[in-house]
N, C-alpha and C. Protein backbone atom coordinates (compact mmCIF):
# COMPACT_ATOMS: atom_id res chain seq x y z
N MET A 1 -10.04 2.39 -15.57
CA MET A 1 -9.68 0.99 -15.45
C MET A 1 -9.38 0.66 -13.99
N THR A 2 -9.92 -0.41 -13.51
CA THR A 2 -9.73 -0.83 -12.11
C THR A 2 -8.64 -1.91 -12.07
N LEU A 3 -7.78 -1.82 -11.08
CA LEU A 3 -6.70 -2.78 -10.94
C LEU A 3 -7.17 -4.14 -10.49
N PHE A 4 -8.21 -4.17 -9.67
CA PHE A 4 -8.64 -5.42 -9.07
C PHE A 4 -10.15 -5.61 -9.21
N SER A 5 -10.57 -6.85 -9.16
CA SER A 5 -12.00 -7.15 -9.17
C SER A 5 -12.59 -6.75 -7.83
N LEU A 6 -13.88 -6.67 -7.77
CA LEU A 6 -14.56 -6.27 -6.53
C LEU A 6 -14.20 -7.18 -5.36
N PRO A 7 -14.21 -8.51 -5.49
CA PRO A 7 -13.84 -9.33 -4.34
C PRO A 7 -12.40 -9.08 -3.87
N GLU A 8 -11.48 -8.87 -4.82
CA GLU A 8 -10.11 -8.58 -4.43
C GLU A 8 -9.98 -7.27 -3.70
N ARG A 9 -10.67 -6.25 -4.20
CA ARG A 9 -10.65 -4.93 -3.55
C ARG A 9 -11.22 -5.00 -2.15
N LEU A 10 -12.31 -5.76 -1.98
CA LEU A 10 -12.92 -5.89 -0.66
C LEU A 10 -11.99 -6.61 0.30
N PHE A 11 -11.34 -7.67 -0.18
CA PHE A 11 -10.40 -8.39 0.68
C PHE A 11 -9.26 -7.50 1.14
N VAL A 12 -8.65 -6.78 0.21
CA VAL A 12 -7.53 -5.90 0.55
C VAL A 12 -7.99 -4.82 1.52
N ASP A 13 -9.14 -4.23 1.26
CA ASP A 13 -9.67 -3.18 2.12
C ASP A 13 -9.96 -3.71 3.53
N ILE A 14 -10.57 -4.87 3.63
CA ILE A 14 -10.88 -5.47 4.93
C ILE A 14 -9.60 -5.84 5.65
N TYR A 15 -8.63 -6.38 4.91
CA TYR A 15 -7.35 -6.75 5.52
C TYR A 15 -6.67 -5.53 6.11
N CYS A 16 -6.63 -4.44 5.36
CA CYS A 16 -5.98 -3.22 5.86
C CYS A 16 -6.71 -2.67 7.08
N ARG A 17 -8.01 -2.66 7.03
CA ARG A 17 -8.79 -2.08 8.14
C ARG A 17 -8.80 -2.95 9.38
N ARG A 18 -9.00 -4.25 9.21
CA ARG A 18 -9.21 -5.11 10.38
C ARG A 18 -7.96 -5.78 10.88
N VAL A 19 -7.08 -6.20 9.98
CA VAL A 19 -5.87 -6.89 10.42
C VAL A 19 -4.77 -5.90 10.73
N LEU A 20 -4.49 -5.01 9.80
CA LEU A 20 -3.42 -4.03 10.02
C LEU A 20 -3.92 -2.81 10.81
N ARG A 21 -5.23 -2.65 10.89
CA ARG A 21 -5.86 -1.51 11.58
C ARG A 21 -5.37 -0.18 11.03
N LYS A 22 -5.27 -0.10 9.71
CA LYS A 22 -4.82 1.13 9.06
C LYS A 22 -5.91 1.66 8.16
N VAL A 23 -6.30 2.90 8.38
CA VAL A 23 -7.24 3.60 7.53
C VAL A 23 -6.64 4.98 7.29
N PHE A 24 -6.08 5.17 6.10
CA PHE A 24 -5.43 6.43 5.81
C PHE A 24 -6.46 7.48 5.44
N THR A 25 -6.48 8.55 6.23
CA THR A 25 -7.46 9.61 6.00
C THR A 25 -7.04 10.55 4.88
N ASP A 26 -5.79 10.50 4.46
CA ASP A 26 -5.31 11.43 3.45
C ASP A 26 -5.23 10.83 2.04
N THR A 27 -5.75 9.62 1.85
CA THR A 27 -5.72 8.99 0.52
C THR A 27 -7.10 8.85 -0.09
N GLY A 28 -8.12 9.39 0.56
CA GLY A 28 -9.50 9.21 0.10
C GLY A 28 -9.77 9.54 -1.35
N ASP A 29 -9.26 10.68 -1.82
CA ASP A 29 -9.50 11.09 -3.21
C ASP A 29 -8.24 11.00 -4.06
N HIS A 30 -7.18 10.39 -3.54
CA HIS A 30 -5.93 10.32 -4.26
C HIS A 30 -6.02 9.31 -5.40
N TRP A 31 -5.40 9.63 -6.53
CA TRP A 31 -5.47 8.77 -7.71
C TRP A 31 -4.83 7.40 -7.48
N GLY A 32 -3.91 7.30 -6.53
CA GLY A 32 -3.22 6.03 -6.28
C GLY A 32 -3.74 5.25 -5.08
N LYS A 33 -4.96 5.55 -4.64
CA LYS A 33 -5.49 4.94 -3.43
C LYS A 33 -5.46 3.41 -3.46
N GLU A 34 -5.92 2.81 -4.55
CA GLU A 34 -5.96 1.35 -4.63
C GLU A 34 -4.57 0.75 -4.56
N ALA A 35 -3.61 1.35 -5.25
CA ALA A 35 -2.25 0.85 -5.23
C ALA A 35 -1.63 1.00 -3.85
N ILE A 36 -1.93 2.10 -3.17
CA ILE A 36 -1.42 2.32 -1.81
C ILE A 36 -1.96 1.26 -0.87
N ILE A 37 -3.27 1.04 -0.92
CA ILE A 37 -3.89 0.05 -0.04
C ILE A 37 -3.32 -1.35 -0.31
N THR A 38 -3.13 -1.67 -1.58
CA THR A 38 -2.58 -2.99 -1.93
C THR A 38 -1.15 -3.12 -1.44
N ALA A 39 -0.33 -2.08 -1.63
CA ALA A 39 1.05 -2.14 -1.16
C ALA A 39 1.12 -2.27 0.37
N VAL A 40 0.21 -1.62 1.06
CA VAL A 40 0.17 -1.72 2.52
C VAL A 40 -0.25 -3.13 2.92
N ALA A 41 -1.25 -3.68 2.26
CA ALA A 41 -1.72 -5.04 2.57
C ALA A 41 -0.62 -6.07 2.35
N HIS A 42 0.24 -5.83 1.39
CA HIS A 42 1.34 -6.76 1.12
C HIS A 42 2.61 -6.37 1.88
N GLU A 43 2.48 -5.42 2.78
CA GLU A 43 3.57 -4.96 3.63
C GLU A 43 4.79 -4.47 2.85
N ILE A 44 4.52 -3.82 1.73
CA ILE A 44 5.58 -3.21 0.91
C ILE A 44 5.84 -1.80 1.41
N VAL A 45 4.79 -1.09 1.79
CA VAL A 45 4.89 0.25 2.38
C VAL A 45 4.03 0.28 3.63
N SER A 46 4.21 1.32 4.47
CA SER A 46 3.44 1.34 5.70
C SER A 46 2.82 2.68 6.03
N GLY A 47 3.31 3.76 5.50
CA GLY A 47 2.79 5.08 5.86
C GLY A 47 3.45 5.61 7.11
N TYR A 48 3.08 6.84 7.49
CA TYR A 48 3.67 7.46 8.66
C TYR A 48 3.02 6.99 9.97
N SER A 49 1.72 6.70 9.91
CA SER A 49 0.99 6.21 11.08
C SER A 49 -0.19 5.38 10.57
N LYS A 50 -1.08 5.02 11.47
CA LYS A 50 -2.25 4.23 11.06
C LYS A 50 -3.28 5.06 10.30
N THR A 51 -3.15 6.39 10.35
CA THR A 51 -4.11 7.25 9.65
C THR A 51 -3.47 8.17 8.62
N VAL A 52 -2.14 8.27 8.60
CA VAL A 52 -1.46 9.19 7.68
C VAL A 52 -0.51 8.43 6.78
N PHE A 53 -0.71 8.56 5.47
CA PHE A 53 0.19 7.97 4.50
C PHE A 53 1.04 9.03 3.80
N ALA A 54 0.47 10.22 3.58
CA ALA A 54 1.13 11.34 2.92
C ALA A 54 1.57 10.96 1.50
N PRO A 55 0.61 10.67 0.62
CA PRO A 55 0.93 10.18 -0.71
C PRO A 55 1.65 11.19 -1.61
N ASN A 56 1.60 12.46 -1.29
CA ASN A 56 2.27 13.46 -2.12
C ASN A 56 3.64 13.87 -1.59
N ASP A 57 4.07 13.28 -0.48
CA ASP A 57 5.39 13.58 0.05
C ASP A 57 6.46 12.91 -0.84
N PRO A 58 7.58 13.59 -1.08
CA PRO A 58 8.65 12.97 -1.86
C PRO A 58 9.31 11.85 -1.04
N ILE A 59 9.91 10.89 -1.75
CA ILE A 59 10.66 9.84 -1.06
C ILE A 59 12.11 9.91 -1.51
N ILE A 60 13.00 9.37 -0.68
CA ILE A 60 14.42 9.40 -1.01
C ILE A 60 14.81 8.07 -1.68
N ARG A 61 15.99 8.01 -2.24
CA ARG A 61 16.44 6.82 -2.96
C ARG A 61 16.41 5.58 -2.10
N GLU A 62 16.80 5.72 -0.85
CA GLU A 62 16.83 4.56 0.07
C GLU A 62 15.42 3.99 0.27
N GLN A 63 14.42 4.86 0.37
CA GLN A 63 13.04 4.41 0.53
C GLN A 63 12.58 3.69 -0.73
N MET A 64 12.91 4.25 -1.90
CA MET A 64 12.52 3.61 -3.17
C MET A 64 13.20 2.26 -3.32
N ALA A 65 14.46 2.19 -2.94
CA ALA A 65 15.18 0.91 -3.04
C ALA A 65 14.52 -0.15 -2.14
N LEU A 66 14.11 0.26 -0.95
CA LEU A 66 13.46 -0.68 -0.04
C LEU A 66 12.12 -1.16 -0.62
N ILE A 67 11.38 -0.25 -1.25
CA ILE A 67 10.12 -0.63 -1.87
C ILE A 67 10.35 -1.65 -2.98
N VAL A 68 11.35 -1.41 -3.81
CA VAL A 68 11.67 -2.32 -4.91
C VAL A 68 12.06 -3.69 -4.37
N VAL A 69 12.87 -3.72 -3.35
CA VAL A 69 13.30 -5.00 -2.76
C VAL A 69 12.13 -5.74 -2.16
N LYS A 70 11.32 -5.03 -1.36
CA LYS A 70 10.15 -5.68 -0.75
C LYS A 70 9.18 -6.22 -1.80
N ALA A 71 8.95 -5.46 -2.85
CA ALA A 71 8.04 -5.89 -3.91
C ALA A 71 8.63 -7.06 -4.69
N GLY A 72 9.94 -7.03 -4.90
CA GLY A 72 10.61 -8.09 -5.66
C GLY A 72 10.68 -9.42 -4.94
N PHE A 73 10.80 -9.39 -3.65
CA PHE A 73 10.92 -10.63 -2.88
C PHE A 73 9.60 -11.12 -2.34
N ARG A 74 8.52 -10.44 -2.62
CA ARG A 74 7.23 -10.84 -2.15
C ARG A 74 6.86 -12.20 -2.75
N GLY A 75 6.45 -13.11 -1.94
CA GLY A 75 6.02 -14.43 -2.42
C GLY A 75 7.16 -15.31 -2.86
N GLY A 76 8.39 -15.02 -2.41
CA GLY A 76 9.52 -15.84 -2.76
C GLY A 76 10.13 -15.50 -4.10
N ASN A 77 9.60 -14.51 -4.79
CA ASN A 77 10.17 -14.12 -6.07
C ASN A 77 11.50 -13.42 -5.84
N ARG A 78 12.35 -13.49 -6.82
CA ARG A 78 13.63 -12.80 -6.76
C ARG A 78 13.71 -11.81 -7.88
N LEU A 79 14.40 -10.73 -7.64
CA LEU A 79 14.58 -9.69 -8.67
C LEU A 79 15.45 -10.19 -9.79
């Protein structure tokens, strides 16, 4: 099952590559690649650098809390 339609995926991919200039080399075959790219495009997460996201690294509570807050307030929504 795909999360997004082809035009949406292309927009998010182009936005990440051209606007944010981020191309993560370590998410190519990762099962969460689409979700990672989408979260980066919406500035919910950012990765370690423009080429490293490290999708299998553990995160701490503070990082998870920040992700929840950023996702919850995106677009003026409130938790």
